Amino acid sequence: MKKVKLYEISKEPRRFLRTRCTNIPNILDINLLEDISKRAIATMLHANGCGLAAPQIGSSLRFVVVKLGEEIIFAINPRITSFSVAQFVSPEGCLSIPGVVGVVHRSTKICVEYTTLNDDICVRNFSNHYAAIWQHEIDHLNGILFTDIALAVWRESIKTL
């Protein structure tokens, strides 16, 4: 099996993380997108993440990778089409801000529309933890980091044995 080359994950304060991504046009080469998806998924899994957005790997194209249990989604031009009024507060971290945790308000339910590599349009509902992952990753596509909207932020303590 051919080993997939990993991307380097951009770290804060890299200005590129604050850039709004542009939609991926339909004419973009599918082979290029398949390569990007394989590398992005491998990078996320190698970093033990549950999501990864384009700016985190130096791309201005609008895509995210999301891990939902055993399912991994490469979503092209994702957008949240509806949010619940009900919210919950939960701790979040980010591969681009290692060692930092913040408490963030997120909608408990959302509806996401995205395109797959097969050019299928998917509309799916997510709740609670999975809704928070999508909101976090789509924020990245809009140049927003969780620390921008967190109620409180702190450094994780390193436990030694």
Foldseek 3Di string as FASTA:
>chain_A
DDDQDAFQFAAPPPVLLQDAADADDPPPDLVVVVSVVVRQVVNCVVLVHQKDAQSRRPHRYGWMWGHDPPDIAIFGPKDWPDFDPDWDWDKDDDPRYPQKIFIAIGGQKIWMWTAGSVRDIDIDMDGDPRRVRVVQRVCSNNSDHRVVGGPDMDGHDDDDD
